[in-house]
């Protein structure tokens, strides 16, 4: 039988493709704004949300979404400048990890699902989860399109943007809400610990090869999609973990971007 003769593989290709494209697009802005730490922190916050949802019998996906959205709003509201942002993110991250451990302590039967959350399990994506990923992706892309111009302005020239009346804090909060949705989607594919694989890796590589925003977005989305789908193919024929394959491909592309000339 071929790789697409299995329903679970079809779902895996659809889910990883949707998430990879959105992650590549959002990742470009995340790298440009120097907020990769925020993406890392939100993924860990999502773990706490998922474990909390498991504790009360709710869906881990919706628990992840709820807490990452709350954390994204909190991070954006607590500090716009880089130094303030780093402190706010660190505090939220530490608090979330503490709660995650507490929830696991009281609900040890969730340990198996917790492992899937940490490292991802795209092969177990259900049709219901796939629909949720489509909705999340649509909201993230549409939201990013709406704030793209003020976001780019605030990213490249924050002082001038503020002088021109751009609400920097509001733009920052809205962007982190979009990042939170993207992180929640990425967790379903590569897990909490490997979110950088899709969210930052392709975008960082694209940034080294071009300085044009449109080109960087297209390149990052394409790289992310290629890594996700090729990772699935390799995992299918080798029986290696999908997340491992995608991570290795992402790292290889980034190292190639460092080695090869770019910035055109």
Protein backbone atom coordinates (compact mmCIF):
# COMPACT_ATOMS: atom_id res chain seq x y z
CA UNK A 1 0.00 0.00 0.00
CA UNK A 2 1.11 3.55 -0.71
CA UNK A 3 1.72 6.20 1.89
CA UNK A 4 -1.56 7.97 1.11
CA UNK A 5 -3.62 4.79 1.30
CA UNK A 6 -3.75 5.20 5.05
CA UNK A 7 -6.31 7.64 6.42
CA UNK A 8 -4.07 8.60 9.34
CA UNK A 9 -1.30 9.58 6.92
CA UNK A 10 -3.68 11.71 4.87
CA UNK A 11 -4.74 13.49 8.06
CA UNK A 12 -1.08 13.87 9.06
CA UNK A 13 -0.13 15.45 5.73
CA UNK A 14 -3.11 17.82 5.87
CA UNK A 15 -2.51 18.84 9.48
CA UNK A 16 1.25 19.29 9.15
CA UNK A 17 0.83 21.20 5.89
CA UNK A 18 -1.63 23.66 7.40
CA UNK A 19 0.42 24.22 10.52
CA UNK A 20 3.74 24.43 8.65
CA UNK A 21 2.56 27.18 6.31
CA UNK A 22 1.11 29.30 9.13
CA UNK A 23 4.19 28.72 11.30
CA UNK A 24 6.48 29.80 8.48
CA UNK A 25 4.53 33.01 7.89
CA UNK A 26 4.19 33.98 11.55
CA UNK A 27 7.76 32.93 12.25
CA UNK A 28 9.15 35.58 9.90
CA UNK A 29 7.58 38.35 11.97
CA UNK A 30 8.58 36.62 15.21
CA UNK A 31 12.24 36.47 14.18
CA UNK A 32 12.20 40.03 12.82
CA UNK A 33 10.83 41.34 16.12
CA UNK A 34 13.35 39.37 18.18
CA UNK A 35 10.56 37.55 20.03
CA UNK A 36 11.60 33.95 19.50
CA UNK A 37 11.80 33.57 23.28
CA UNK A 38 8.09 34.40 23.37
CA UNK A 39 7.30 31.51 21.07
CA UNK A 40 9.37 29.20 23.24
CA UNK A 41 7.66 30.40 26.41
CA UNK A 42 4.15 30.12 24.95
CA UNK A 43 4.75 26.50 24.00
CA UNK A 44 5.57 25.67 27.62
CA UNK A 45 2.55 27.64 28.78
CA UNK A 46 0.49 25.52 26.41
CA UNK A 47 1.72 22.40 28.18
CA UNK A 48 0.36 23.74 31.46
CA UNK A 49 -2.96 24.47 29.76
CA UNK A 50 -3.16 20.98 28.30
CA UNK A 51 -2.42 19.31 31.63
CA UNK A 52 -4.99 21.52 33.36
CA UNK A 53 -7.58 20.52 30.76
CA UNK A 54 -6.76 16.85 31.30
CA UNK A 55 -7.21 17.31 35.03
CA UNK A 56 -10.80 18.52 34.58
CA UNK A 57 -11.63 16.14 31.72
CA UNK A 58 -11.56 18.73 28.93
CA UNK A 59 -9.77 18.59 25.57
CA UNK A 60 -6.00 19.18 25.87
CA UNK A 61 -6.09 21.18 22.61
CA UNK A 62 -8.58 23.67 23.97
CA UNK A 63 -6.67 23.86 27.23
CA UNK A 64 -3.54 24.68 25.26
CA UNK A 65 -5.32 27.36 23.25
CA UNK A 66 -6.95 28.97 26.29
CA UNK A 67 -3.79 29.31 28.36
CA UNK A 68 -1.50 30.35 25.50
CA UNK A 69 -3.96 33.07 24.50
CA UNK A 70 -4.13 34.33 28.08
CA UNK A 71 -0.34 34.24 28.36
CA UNK A 72 0.12 35.99 25.01
CA UNK A 73 -2.18 38.80 26.07
CA UNK A 74 -0.40 39.04 29.42
CA UNK A 75 3.06 39.15 27.85
CA UNK A 76 2.04 41.84 25.40
CA UNK A 77 0.37 43.94 28.07
CA UNK A 78 3.19 43.70 30.60
CA UNK A 79 5.97 45.06 28.46
CA UNK A 80 6.64 46.30 24.93
CA UNK A 81 10.30 47.18 25.20
CA UNK A 82 12.73 44.30 24.81
CA UNK A 83 14.06 44.31 28.38
CA UNK A 84 10.60 44.54 29.95
CA UNK A 85 9.32 41.89 27.56
CA UNK A 86 12.04 39.42 28.49
CA UNK A 87 11.32 39.80 32.20
CA UNK A 88 7.57 39.41 31.66
CA UNK A 89 8.03 36.34 29.47
CA UNK A 90 10.40 34.70 31.94
CA UNK A 91 7.99 35.18 34.83
CA UNK A 92 5.04 33.81 32.87
CA UNK A 93 7.11 30.84 31.67
CA UNK A 94 8.28 29.88 35.17
CA UNK A 95 4.77 30.20 36.58
CA UNK A 96 3.28 28.08 33.80
CA UNK A 97 5.84 25.30 34.21
CA UNK A 98 5.16 25.22 37.92
CA UNK A 99 1.43 24.80 37.34
CA UNK A 100 2.08 22.13 34.72
CA UNK A 101 4.01 20.07 37.24
CA UNK A 102 1.28 20.57 39.83
CA UNK A 103 -1.45 19.37 37.47
CA UNK A 104 0.57 16.28 36.51
CA UNK A 105 1.11 15.55 40.20
CA UNK A 106 -2.65 15.31 40.75
CA UNK A 107 -3.45 13.56 37.49
CA UNK A 108 -0.76 10.97 36.87
CA UNK A 109 -2.91 9.00 34.39
CA UNK A 110 -2.38 11.89 31.97
CA UNK A 111 1.32 11.02 31.71
CA UNK A 112 1.01 9.20 28.36
CA UNK A 113 -0.83 12.12 26.75
CA UNK A 114 1.68 14.48 28.34
CA UNK A 115 4.48 12.71 26.47
CA UNK A 116 2.61 13.21 23.20
CA UNK A 117 2.23 16.90 24.02
CA UNK A 118 5.93 17.26 24.77
CA UNK A 119 7.14 15.61 21.55
CA UNK A 120 4.12 15.74 19.26
CA UNK A 121 2.04 13.00 17.62
CA UNK A 122 0.89 14.14 14.20
CA UNK A 123 0.00 10.56 13.22
CA UNK A 124 -2.81 10.62 15.79
CA UNK A 125 -4.49 13.79 14.49
CA UNK A 126 -8.23 13.19 14.31
CA UNK A 127 -10.66 14.77 11.81
CA UNK A 128 -12.01 16.93 14.65
CA UNK A 129 -8.53 18.20 15.50
CA UNK A 130 -7.88 18.81 11.81
CA UNK A 131 -10.94 21.05 11.60
CA UNK A 132 -9.77 22.93 14.69
CA UNK A 133 -6.34 23.44 13.09
CA UNK A 134 -7.95 24.83 9.93
CA UNK A 135 -9.96 27.33 11.99
CA UNK A 136 -6.92 28.35 14.05
CA UNK A 137 -4.82 28.78 10.92
CA UNK A 138 -7.47 30.90 9.23
CA UNK A 139 -7.80 33.17 12.27
CA UNK A 140 -4.02 33.53 12.58
CA UNK A 141 -3.45 34.36 8.91
CA UNK A 142 -6.39 36.78 8.68
CA UNK A 143 -5.36 38.48 11.92
CA UNK A 144 -1.79 38.84 10.73
CA UNK A 145 -2.97 40.32 7.43
CA UNK A 146 -5.03 42.92 9.31
CA UNK A 147 -2.16 44.13 11.51
CA UNK A 148 0.69 43.51 9.08
CA UNK A 149 1.38 47.14 8.12
CA UNK A 150 1.44 48.63 11.64
CA UNK A 151 3.30 45.53 12.85
CA UNK A 152 6.07 45.97 10.27
CA UNK A 153 6.25 49.69 11.03
CA UNK A 154 6.44 49.03 14.78
CA UNK A 155 9.08 46.36 14.21
CA UNK A 156 11.41 48.35 11.99
CA UNK A 157 11.00 51.85 13.45
CA UNK A 158 9.22 51.65 16.83
CA UNK A 159 10.03 55.22 17.93
CA UNK A 160 8.78 56.72 14.68
CA UNK A 161 5.73 54.46 14.68
CA UNK A 162 4.86 55.59 18.19
CA UNK A 163 5.29 59.23 17.18
CA UNK A 164 2.94 58.63 14.24
CA UNK A 165 0.26 57.31 16.58
CA UNK A 166 0.70 53.56 16.11
CA UNK A 167 -0.51 51.85 19.33
CA UNK A 168 2.62 49.77 19.96
CA UNK A 169 1.28 47.90 22.96
CA UNK A 170 -1.98 46.97 21.24
CA UNK A 171 -0.13 45.80 18.14
CA UNK A 172 2.21 43.78 20.34
CA UNK A 173 -0.67 42.15 22.18
CA UNK A 174 -2.51 41.27 18.96
CA UNK A 175 0.64 39.79 17.46
CA UNK A 176 1.31 37.62 20.50
CA UNK A 177 -2.29 36.40 20.35
CA UNK A 178 -1.59 35.28 16.78
CA UNK A 179 1.66 33.65 17.93
CA UNK A 180 -0.26 31.87 20.70
CA UNK A 181 -2.68 30.35 18.19
CA UNK A 182 0.22 29.30 15.97
CA UNK A 183 2.10 27.75 18.86
CA UNK A 184 -1.02 25.82 19.91
CA UNK A 185 -1.24 24.41 16.40
CA UNK A 186 2.48 23.57 16.26
CA UNK A 187 2.25 21.64 19.52
CA UNK A 188 -0.11 19.19 17.84
CA UNK A 189 2.53 18.43 15.19
CA UNK A 190 5.98 18.60 16.83
CA UNK A 191 5.18 18.98 20.52
CA UNK A 192 5.96 21.57 23.17
CA UNK A 193 9.71 20.99 23.21
CA UNK A 194 10.19 21.24 19.44
CA UNK A 195 8.02 24.22 18.50
CA UNK A 196 11.17 26.05 17.34
CA UNK A 197 11.40 23.44 14.57
CA UNK A 198 8.52 24.91 12.55
CA UNK A 199 8.06 28.35 14.08
CA UNK A 200 11.63 29.64 14.10
CA UNK A 201 13.89 27.37 12.04
CA UNK A 202 12.49 28.04 8.54
CA UNK A 203 11.97 31.74 9.26
CA UNK A 204 15.54 32.15 10.55
CA UNK A 205 16.88 30.42 7.44
CA UNK A 206 14.76 32.60 5.15
CA UNK A 207 15.96 35.74 6.93
CA UNK A 208 19.56 34.82 6.12
CA UNK A 209 18.78 34.37 2.43
CA UNK A 210 16.71 37.50 1.78
CA UNK A 211 15.93 40.91 3.24
CA UNK A 212 12.60 41.30 1.42
CA UNK A 213 9.60 40.63 3.62
CA UNK A 214 7.40 39.10 0.94
CA UNK A 215 10.17 36.84 -0.30
CA UNK A 216 11.07 35.82 3.26
CA UNK A 217 7.46 34.91 4.04
CA UNK A 218 7.09 32.81 0.88
CA UNK A 219 10.46 31.14 1.44
CA UNK A 220 9.82 30.40 5.12
CA UNK A 221 6.38 28.95 4.41
CA UNK A 222 7.80 26.81 1.59
CA UNK A 223 10.69 25.55 3.70
CA UNK A 224 8.42 24.76 6.63
CA UNK A 225 6.00 22.86 4.40
CA UNK A 226 8.81 20.91 2.72
CA UNK A 227 10.35 19.98 6.07
CA UNK A 228 7.03 18.82 7.50
CA UNK A 229 6.02 16.71 4.51
CA UNK A 230 9.48 15.27 3.88
CA UNK A 231 9.73 14.47 7.58
CA UNK A 232 6.49 12.50 7.33
CA UNK A 233 7.76 10.55 4.33
CA UNK A 234 11.06 9.71 6.01
CA UNK A 235 9.28 8.65 9.21
CA UNK A 236 6.88 6.44 7.26
CA UNK A 237 9.64 4.48 5.55
CA UNK A 238 12.12 4.37 8.45
CA UNK A 239 9.80 4.09 11.47
CA UNK A 240 11.64 6.99 13.10
CA UNK A 241 9.64 9.55 15.14
CA UNK A 242 8.07 12.18 12.89
CA UNK A 243 9.09 15.05 15.16
CA UNK A 244 12.71 13.89 15.06
CA UNK A 245 12.72 13.81 11.25
CA UNK A 246 11.18 17.27 10.94
CA UNK A 247 13.59 18.68 13.52
CA UNK A 248 16.65 17.28 11.77
CA UNK A 249 15.50 18.69 8.43
CA UNK A 250 14.84 22.10 9.97
CA UNK A 251 18.29 22.15 11.57
CA UNK A 252 19.93 21.06 8.31
CA UNK A 253 18.24 23.84 6.37
CA UNK A 254 19.25 26.44 8.96
CA UNK A 255 22.88 25.30 8.97
CA UNK A 256 22.84 25.41 5.17
CA UNK A 257 21.56 28.98 5.37
CA UNK A 258 24.49 29.87 7.61
CA UNK A 259 27.00 28.22 5.30
CA UNK A 260 25.67 29.55 2.00
CA UNK A 261 25.74 33.22 0.98
CA UNK A 262 22.47 35.11 1.17
CA UNK A 263 20.94 38.48 2.04
CA UNK A 264 19.67 39.38 -1.40
